[in-house]
């Protein structure tokens, strides 16, 4: 994918001999339409959970834990101040653990690991709002 990001204007995604997606590099990287294209983009961005967080990560919430989120930003969600907006709208605090941004076809995209502090109701509402604003959010567990 590094070659595609650096030198191509258009990209085609082929699976089992069938053309499944074709568009400009910027469009495919900012709005992938097929699961395979989404996997390609995810393969260019990777964040490991730091060891100290991995040691504390639990599959279910407890009274004193907070969700650890993996968020993918593409298209318009990359440049929007969405984390600060969730803090204002939903009374949550976001602790950024790690992040990586990249460019392809003149478009930014990236992923971020965060802790979201707040009540369960507020964090669920904030996650839903982020998803409505085209952020792919995955709850990795609770720390």
N, C-alpha and C. Protein backbone atom coordinates (compact mmCIF):
# COMPACT_ATOMS: atom_id res chain seq x y z
N UNK A 1 0.81 -1.20 0.00
CA UNK A 1 0.00 0.00 0.00
C UNK A 1 0.85 1.26 0.00
N UNK A 2 2.08 1.18 0.47
CA UNK A 2 2.94 2.36 0.47
C UNK A 2 3.17 2.88 -0.95
N UNK A 3 3.35 1.97 -1.90
CA UNK A 3 3.55 2.38 -3.29
C UNK A 3 2.29 3.07 -3.81
N UNK A 4 1.13 2.51 -3.52
CA UNK A 4 -0.13 3.12 -3.94
C UNK A 4 -0.26 4.52 -3.36
N UNK A 5 0.05 4.67 -2.07
CA UNK A 5 -0.07 5.98 -1.42
C UNK A 5 0.86 7.01 -2.05
N UNK A 6 2.05 6.59 -2.47
CA UNK A 6 3.06 7.53 -2.96
C UNK A 6 2.92 7.91 -4.42
N UNK A 7 2.57 6.95 -5.29
CA UNK A 7 2.68 7.26 -6.72
C UNK A 7 1.38 7.15 -7.52
N UNK A 8 0.34 6.60 -6.97
CA UNK A 8 -0.88 6.36 -7.75
C UNK A 8 -1.89 7.50 -7.60
N UNK A 9 -2.65 7.69 -8.67
CA UNK A 9 -3.79 8.61 -8.63
C UNK A 9 -5.09 7.85 -8.45
N UNK A 10 -5.16 6.66 -9.06
CA UNK A 10 -6.34 5.81 -8.98
C UNK A 10 -5.91 4.43 -8.48
N UNK A 11 -6.87 3.73 -7.90
CA UNK A 11 -6.58 2.39 -7.38
C UNK A 11 -7.79 1.49 -7.65
N UNK A 12 -7.50 0.22 -7.92
CA UNK A 12 -8.54 -0.78 -8.11
C UNK A 12 -8.30 -1.89 -7.10
N UNK A 13 -9.37 -2.37 -6.51
CA UNK A 13 -9.28 -3.48 -5.55
C UNK A 13 -9.91 -4.69 -6.22
N UNK A 14 -9.12 -5.76 -6.32
CA UNK A 14 -9.57 -6.98 -7.00
C UNK A 14 -9.57 -8.12 -5.99
N UNK A 15 -10.65 -8.89 -5.99
CA UNK A 15 -10.76 -10.05 -5.11
C UNK A 15 -11.28 -11.23 -5.92
N UNK A 16 -10.56 -12.34 -5.85
CA UNK A 16 -10.94 -13.55 -6.59
C UNK A 16 -11.17 -13.26 -8.07
N UNK A 17 -10.31 -12.42 -8.65
CA UNK A 17 -10.40 -12.11 -10.06
C UNK A 17 -11.50 -11.12 -10.44
N UNK A 18 -12.21 -10.60 -9.46
CA UNK A 18 -13.30 -9.66 -9.71
C UNK A 18 -12.93 -8.27 -9.22
N UNK A 19 -13.22 -7.27 -10.04
CA UNK A 19 -13.04 -5.88 -9.63
C UNK A 19 -14.15 -5.53 -8.64
N UNK A 20 -13.77 -5.22 -7.39
CA UNK A 20 -14.79 -4.94 -6.38
C UNK A 20 -14.86 -3.47 -5.98
N UNK A 21 -13.80 -2.72 -6.29
CA UNK A 21 -13.81 -1.29 -5.98
C UNK A 21 -12.76 -0.60 -6.83
N UNK A 22 -13.12 0.55 -7.36
CA UNK A 22 -12.19 1.33 -8.17
C UNK A 22 -12.54 2.80 -8.02
N UNK A 23 -11.53 3.62 -7.71
CA UNK A 23 -11.76 5.05 -7.54
C UNK A 23 -10.41 5.74 -7.40
N UNK A 24 -10.45 7.03 -7.12
CA UNK A 24 -9.21 7.75 -6.85
C UNK A 24 -8.62 7.25 -5.54
N UNK A 25 -7.32 7.40 -5.39
CA UNK A 25 -6.67 6.99 -4.15
C UNK A 25 -7.28 7.73 -2.97
N UNK A 26 -7.51 9.02 -3.13
CA UNK A 26 -8.07 9.80 -2.02
C UNK A 26 -9.44 9.29 -1.63
N UNK A 27 -10.28 8.92 -2.59
CA UNK A 27 -11.63 8.44 -2.27
C UNK A 27 -11.58 7.06 -1.61
N UNK A 28 -10.75 6.16 -2.12
CA UNK A 28 -10.67 4.82 -1.53
C UNK A 28 -10.12 4.89 -0.10
N UNK A 29 -9.11 5.74 0.13
CA UNK A 29 -8.54 5.83 1.46
C UNK A 29 -9.43 6.60 2.44
N UNK A 30 -10.22 7.54 1.95
CA UNK A 30 -11.06 8.30 2.87
C UNK A 30 -12.44 7.70 3.04
N UNK A 31 -12.93 6.95 2.05
CA UNK A 31 -14.27 6.35 2.13
C UNK A 31 -14.26 4.95 1.50
N UNK A 32 -13.55 4.00 2.08
CA UNK A 32 -13.52 2.65 1.49
C UNK A 32 -14.92 2.03 1.54
N UNK A 33 -15.33 1.44 0.43
CA UNK A 33 -16.69 0.93 0.33
C UNK A 33 -16.80 -0.57 0.57
N UNK A 34 -15.71 -1.29 0.43
CA UNK A 34 -15.76 -2.74 0.59
C UNK A 34 -14.92 -3.16 1.80
N UNK A 35 -15.27 -4.29 2.40
CA UNK A 35 -14.48 -4.77 3.53
C UNK A 35 -13.00 -4.98 3.19
N UNK A 36 -12.71 -5.44 1.96
CA UNK A 36 -11.32 -5.67 1.58
C UNK A 36 -10.55 -4.36 1.51
N UNK A 37 -11.16 -3.32 0.95
CA UNK A 37 -10.50 -2.01 0.92
C UNK A 37 -10.28 -1.49 2.34
N UNK A 38 -11.25 -1.71 3.21
CA UNK A 38 -11.10 -1.29 4.61
C UNK A 38 -9.94 -2.03 5.26
N UNK A 39 -9.78 -3.32 4.96
CA UNK A 39 -8.66 -4.09 5.50
C UNK A 39 -7.33 -3.56 4.99
N UNK A 40 -7.25 -3.19 3.72
CA UNK A 40 -6.02 -2.63 3.17
C UNK A 40 -5.63 -1.36 3.92
N UNK A 41 -6.59 -0.50 4.15
CA UNK A 41 -6.31 0.76 4.83
C UNK A 41 -5.88 0.49 6.26
N UNK A 42 -6.56 -0.43 6.94
CA UNK A 42 -6.17 -0.78 8.30
C UNK A 42 -4.76 -1.35 8.35
N UNK A 43 -4.35 -2.03 7.28
CA UNK A 43 -3.00 -2.62 7.28
C UNK A 43 -1.92 -1.55 7.20
N UNK A 44 -2.25 -0.36 6.71
CA UNK A 44 -1.26 0.71 6.64
C UNK A 44 -1.12 1.44 7.96
N UNK A 45 -2.12 1.32 8.81
CA UNK A 45 -2.09 1.97 10.12
C UNK A 45 -2.21 0.90 11.19
N UNK A 46 -1.32 0.90 12.12
CA UNK A 46 -1.38 -0.10 13.18
C UNK A 46 -0.86 0.50 14.48
N UNK A 47 -1.62 0.31 15.53
CA UNK A 47 -1.19 0.74 16.85
C UNK A 47 -1.28 -0.44 17.80
N UNK A 48 -0.21 -0.71 18.49
CA UNK A 48 -0.24 -1.72 19.54
C UNK A 48 -0.70 -1.09 20.84
N UNK A 49 -1.44 -1.85 21.60
CA UNK A 49 -1.82 -1.38 22.94
C UNK A 49 -0.58 -1.45 23.81
N UNK A 50 -0.21 -0.35 24.46
CA UNK A 50 0.98 -0.37 25.32
C UNK A 50 0.87 -1.47 26.39
N UNK A 51 2.01 -2.04 26.76
CA UNK A 51 2.03 -3.17 27.69
C UNK A 51 1.31 -2.87 29.00
N UNK A 52 1.51 -1.67 29.57
CA UNK A 52 0.86 -1.37 30.85
C UNK A 52 -0.66 -1.34 30.71
N UNK A 53 -1.17 -0.92 29.56
CA UNK A 53 -2.62 -0.95 29.33
C UNK A 53 -3.08 -2.37 29.05
N UNK A 54 -2.30 -3.11 28.28
CA UNK A 54 -2.65 -4.49 27.96
C UNK A 54 -2.79 -5.32 29.24
N UNK A 55 -1.92 -5.07 30.21
CA UNK A 55 -1.96 -5.81 31.47
C UNK A 55 -3.23 -5.51 32.26
N UNK A 56 -3.78 -4.31 32.10
CA UNK A 56 -4.97 -3.91 32.86
C UNK A 56 -6.27 -4.10 32.08
N UNK A 57 -6.19 -4.39 30.80
CA UNK A 57 -7.37 -4.45 29.93
C UNK A 57 -8.26 -5.64 30.29
N UNK A 58 -9.53 -5.35 30.53
CA UNK A 58 -10.53 -6.38 30.88
C UNK A 58 -11.64 -6.37 29.83
N UNK A 59 -12.26 -7.53 29.58
CA UNK A 59 -13.31 -7.59 28.56
C UNK A 59 -14.63 -6.94 28.97
N UNK A 60 -14.86 -6.83 30.28
CA UNK A 60 -16.12 -6.24 30.74
C UNK A 60 -15.85 -5.08 31.68
N UNK A 61 -16.82 -4.18 31.74
CA UNK A 61 -16.68 -2.99 32.58
C UNK A 61 -16.85 -3.34 34.05
N UNK A 62 -16.13 -2.61 34.89
CA UNK A 62 -16.32 -2.67 36.34
C UNK A 62 -16.68 -1.26 36.81
N UNK A 63 -16.97 -1.13 38.09
CA UNK A 63 -17.41 0.16 38.62
C UNK A 63 -16.39 1.27 38.41
N UNK A 64 -15.11 0.94 38.47
CA UNK A 64 -14.08 1.98 38.38
C UNK A 64 -13.28 1.94 37.07
N UNK A 65 -13.81 1.26 36.05
CA UNK A 65 -13.07 1.18 34.79
C UNK A 65 -13.67 2.11 33.74
N UNK A 66 -12.88 2.37 32.71
CA UNK A 66 -13.33 3.20 31.59
C UNK A 66 -13.05 2.45 30.30
N UNK A 67 -13.83 2.73 29.24
CA UNK A 67 -13.60 2.03 27.98
C UNK A 67 -12.32 2.50 27.28
N UNK A 68 -11.60 1.54 26.72
CA UNK A 68 -10.48 1.86 25.83
C UNK A 68 -11.01 1.73 24.41
N UNK A 69 -10.84 2.78 23.62
CA UNK A 69 -11.40 2.83 22.29
C UNK A 69 -10.32 2.85 21.23
N UNK A 70 -10.62 2.21 20.11
CA UNK A 70 -9.81 2.33 18.90
C UNK A 70 -10.70 3.08 17.91
N UNK A 71 -10.25 4.25 17.48
CA UNK A 71 -11.04 5.08 16.58
C UNK A 71 -10.31 5.25 15.26
N UNK A 72 -11.04 5.09 14.17
CA UNK A 72 -10.50 5.31 12.84
C UNK A 72 -11.13 6.56 12.25
N UNK A 73 -10.29 7.47 11.82
CA UNK A 73 -10.73 8.73 11.23
C UNK A 73 -10.40 8.73 9.75
N UNK A 74 -11.40 9.00 8.92
CA UNK A 74 -11.19 9.13 7.48
C UNK A 74 -12.06 10.28 6.98
N UNK A 75 -11.75 10.77 5.81
CA UNK A 75 -12.58 11.80 5.21
C UNK A 75 -12.69 13.04 6.08
N UNK A 76 -13.91 13.54 6.22
CA UNK A 76 -14.16 14.77 6.97
C UNK A 76 -13.89 14.63 8.46
N UNK A 77 -13.97 13.42 8.99
CA UNK A 77 -13.78 13.25 10.44
C UNK A 77 -12.35 13.52 10.87
N UNK A 78 -11.39 13.48 9.94
CA UNK A 78 -9.98 13.68 10.29
C UNK A 78 -9.72 15.10 10.78
N UNK A 79 -10.30 16.07 10.12
CA UNK A 79 -10.00 17.47 10.44
C UNK A 79 -10.99 18.11 11.40
N UNK A 80 -12.04 17.42 11.75
CA UNK A 80 -13.04 17.98 12.65
C UNK A 80 -12.59 17.81 14.11
N UNK A 81 -12.89 18.77 14.96
CA UNK A 81 -12.50 18.69 16.38
C UNK A 81 -13.47 17.81 17.18
N UNK A 82 -13.57 16.54 16.80
CA UNK A 82 -14.61 15.68 17.35
C UNK A 82 -14.38 15.30 18.81
N UNK A 83 -13.14 15.09 19.23
CA UNK A 83 -12.91 14.73 20.64
C UNK A 83 -13.26 15.88 21.57
N UNK A 84 -12.88 17.08 21.21
CA UNK A 84 -13.23 18.22 22.06
C UNK A 84 -14.73 18.45 22.05
N UNK A 85 -15.37 18.17 20.92
CA UNK A 85 -16.83 18.32 20.85
C UNK A 85 -17.53 17.30 21.75
N UNK A 86 -17.02 16.05 21.80
CA UNK A 86 -17.63 15.07 22.71
C UNK A 86 -17.46 15.49 24.16
N UNK A 87 -16.33 16.11 24.47
CA UNK A 87 -16.11 16.59 25.85
C UNK A 87 -17.15 17.63 26.22
N UNK A 88 -17.43 18.55 25.31
CA UNK A 88 -18.42 19.60 25.58
C UNK A 88 -19.84 19.06 25.61
N UNK A 89 -20.19 18.25 24.63
CA UNK A 89 -21.57 17.78 24.50
C UNK A 89 -21.97 16.73 25.53
N UNK A 90 -21.02 15.84 25.87
CA UNK A 90 -21.39 14.66 26.65
C UNK A 90 -20.69 14.56 28.00
N UNK A 91 -19.94 15.59 28.37
CA UNK A 91 -19.26 15.61 29.66
C UNK A 91 -18.34 14.40 29.83
N UNK A 92 -17.57 14.09 28.79
CA UNK A 92 -16.58 13.02 28.86
C UNK A 92 -15.20 13.62 28.65
N UNK A 93 -14.20 12.95 29.17
CA UNK A 93 -12.81 13.34 28.96
C UNK A 93 -12.11 12.23 28.20
N UNK A 94 -11.36 12.61 27.18
CA UNK A 94 -10.65 11.65 26.35
C UNK A 94 -9.16 11.72 26.63
N UNK A 95 -8.58 10.61 27.03
CA UNK A 95 -7.15 10.52 27.24
C UNK A 95 -6.55 9.79 26.04
N UNK A 96 -5.78 10.50 25.23
CA UNK A 96 -5.17 9.88 24.04
C UNK A 96 -3.97 9.05 24.48
N UNK A 97 -4.02 7.77 24.19
CA UNK A 97 -2.95 6.84 24.55
C UNK A 97 -1.91 6.78 23.43
N UNK A 98 -2.39 6.71 22.19
CA UNK A 98 -1.50 6.61 21.04
C UNK A 98 -2.29 7.00 19.80
N UNK A 99 -1.59 7.52 18.79
CA UNK A 99 -2.26 7.90 17.55
C UNK A 99 -1.28 7.82 16.39
N UNK A 100 -1.83 7.61 15.20
CA UNK A 100 -1.03 7.60 13.98
C UNK A 100 -1.88 8.18 12.86
N UNK A 101 -1.30 9.12 12.13
CA UNK A 101 -1.97 9.72 10.97
C UNK A 101 -1.11 9.44 9.74
N UNK A 102 -1.76 9.35 8.58
CA UNK A 102 -1.04 9.13 7.33
C UNK A 102 -1.76 9.90 6.23
N UNK A 103 -1.12 9.98 5.08
CA UNK A 103 -1.68 10.68 3.92
C UNK A 103 -1.64 9.76 2.71
N UNK A 104 -2.68 9.85 1.88
CA UNK A 104 -2.71 9.14 0.59
C UNK A 104 -3.59 9.94 -0.35
N UNK A 105 -3.08 10.22 -1.51
CA UNK A 105 -3.87 10.97 -2.49
C UNK A 105 -4.28 12.33 -1.98
N UNK A 106 -3.45 12.94 -1.13
CA UNK A 106 -3.77 14.25 -0.59
C UNK A 106 -4.78 14.24 0.54
N UNK A 107 -5.13 13.06 1.03
CA UNK A 107 -6.13 12.92 2.09
C UNK A 107 -5.49 12.35 3.34
N UNK A 108 -5.84 12.92 4.49
CA UNK A 108 -5.37 12.39 5.78
C UNK A 108 -6.32 11.29 6.26
N UNK A 109 -5.77 10.31 6.94
CA UNK A 109 -6.56 9.30 7.63
C UNK A 109 -5.73 8.82 8.80
N UNK A 110 -6.39 8.26 9.80
CA UNK A 110 -5.62 7.84 10.96
C UNK A 110 -6.41 7.03 11.96
N UNK A 111 -5.68 6.54 12.97
CA UNK A 111 -6.29 5.80 14.06
C UNK A 111 -5.78 6.35 15.38
N UNK A 112 -6.55 6.08 16.42
CA UNK A 112 -6.21 6.60 17.73
C UNK A 112 -6.70 5.61 18.79
N UNK A 113 -5.89 5.41 19.82
CA UNK A 113 -6.31 4.67 21.01
C UNK A 113 -6.56 5.69 22.11
N UNK A 114 -7.72 5.60 22.75
CA UNK A 114 -8.05 6.53 23.83
C UNK A 114 -8.74 5.81 24.97
N UNK A 115 -8.71 6.46 26.12
CA UNK A 115 -9.59 6.12 27.23
C UNK A 115 -10.66 7.19 27.25
N UNK A 116 -11.92 6.79 27.43
CA UNK A 116 -12.99 7.78 27.52
C UNK A 116 -13.56 7.73 28.94
N UNK A 117 -13.34 8.82 29.67
CA UNK A 117 -13.80 8.92 31.05
C UNK A 117 -15.14 9.63 31.11
N UNK A 118 -16.07 9.05 31.85
CA UNK A 118 -17.40 9.63 32.02
C UNK A 118 -18.34 8.55 32.51
N UNK A 119 -19.60 8.92 32.72
CA UNK A 119 -20.57 7.91 33.12
C UNK A 119 -20.80 6.96 31.95
N UNK A 120 -21.34 5.79 32.24
CA UNK A 120 -21.60 4.82 31.18
C UNK A 120 -22.57 5.40 30.15
N UNK A 121 -23.58 6.10 30.63
CA UNK A 121 -24.56 6.71 29.73
C UNK A 121 -23.90 7.76 28.83
N UNK A 122 -23.07 8.61 29.42
CA UNK A 122 -22.40 9.66 28.65
C UNK A 122 -21.41 9.08 27.64
N UNK A 123 -20.65 8.06 28.05
CA UNK A 123 -19.68 7.48 27.11
C UNK A 123 -20.39 6.78 25.96
N UNK A 124 -21.49 6.09 26.24
CA UNK A 124 -22.23 5.44 25.16
C UNK A 124 -22.81 6.46 24.19
N UNK A 125 -23.32 7.56 24.73
CA UNK A 125 -23.86 8.62 23.87
C UNK A 125 -22.75 9.26 23.03
N UNK A 126 -21.59 9.47 23.64
CA UNK A 126 -20.46 10.07 22.91
C UNK A 126 -19.97 9.14 21.81
N UNK A 127 -19.90 7.84 22.08
CA UNK A 127 -19.48 6.87 21.07
C UNK A 127 -20.47 6.86 19.91
N UNK A 128 -21.76 6.84 20.22
CA UNK A 128 -22.78 6.86 19.17
C UNK A 128 -22.67 8.13 18.33
N UNK A 129 -22.42 9.26 18.97
CA UNK A 129 -22.28 10.53 18.25
C UNK A 129 -21.06 10.50 17.33
N UNK A 130 -19.94 9.95 17.82
CA UNK A 130 -18.75 9.82 16.98
C UNK A 130 -19.04 8.96 15.75
N UNK A 131 -19.76 7.86 15.96
CA UNK A 131 -20.10 6.98 14.84
C UNK A 131 -20.99 7.70 13.84
N UNK A 132 -21.92 8.51 14.33
CA UNK A 132 -22.77 9.30 13.44
C UNK A 132 -21.95 10.29 12.61
N UNK A 133 -20.79 10.67 13.14
CA UNK A 133 -19.91 11.61 12.44
C UNK A 133 -18.76 10.88 11.72
N UNK A 134 -19.03 9.64 11.32
CA UNK A 134 -18.16 8.86 10.44
C UNK A 134 -16.82 8.47 11.06
N UNK A 135 -16.82 8.28 12.37
CA UNK A 135 -15.65 7.73 13.05
C UNK A 135 -15.97 6.27 13.35
N UNK A 136 -15.10 5.37 12.92
CA UNK A 136 -15.29 3.96 13.25
C UNK A 136 -14.73 3.76 14.65
N UNK A 137 -15.60 3.35 15.58
CA UNK A 137 -15.21 3.22 16.99
C UNK A 137 -15.36 1.76 17.41
N UNK A 138 -14.30 1.24 18.02
CA UNK A 138 -14.32 -0.12 18.56
C UNK A 138 -13.92 -0.05 20.03
N UNK A 139 -14.76 -0.63 20.90
CA UNK A 139 -14.41 -0.73 22.32
C UNK A 139 -13.52 -1.96 22.45
N UNK A 140 -12.25 -1.73 22.80
CA UNK A 140 -11.28 -2.83 22.91
C UNK A 140 -11.39 -3.56 24.24
N UNK A 141 -11.96 -2.91 25.22
CA UNK A 141 -12.08 -3.45 26.57
C UNK A 141 -12.16 -2.30 27.55
N UNK A 142 -11.86 -2.60 28.80
CA UNK A 142 -11.98 -1.60 29.87
C UNK A 142 -10.73 -1.61 30.73
N UNK A 143 -10.27 -0.41 31.08
CA UNK A 143 -9.08 -0.26 31.92
C UNK A 143 -9.40 0.57 33.15
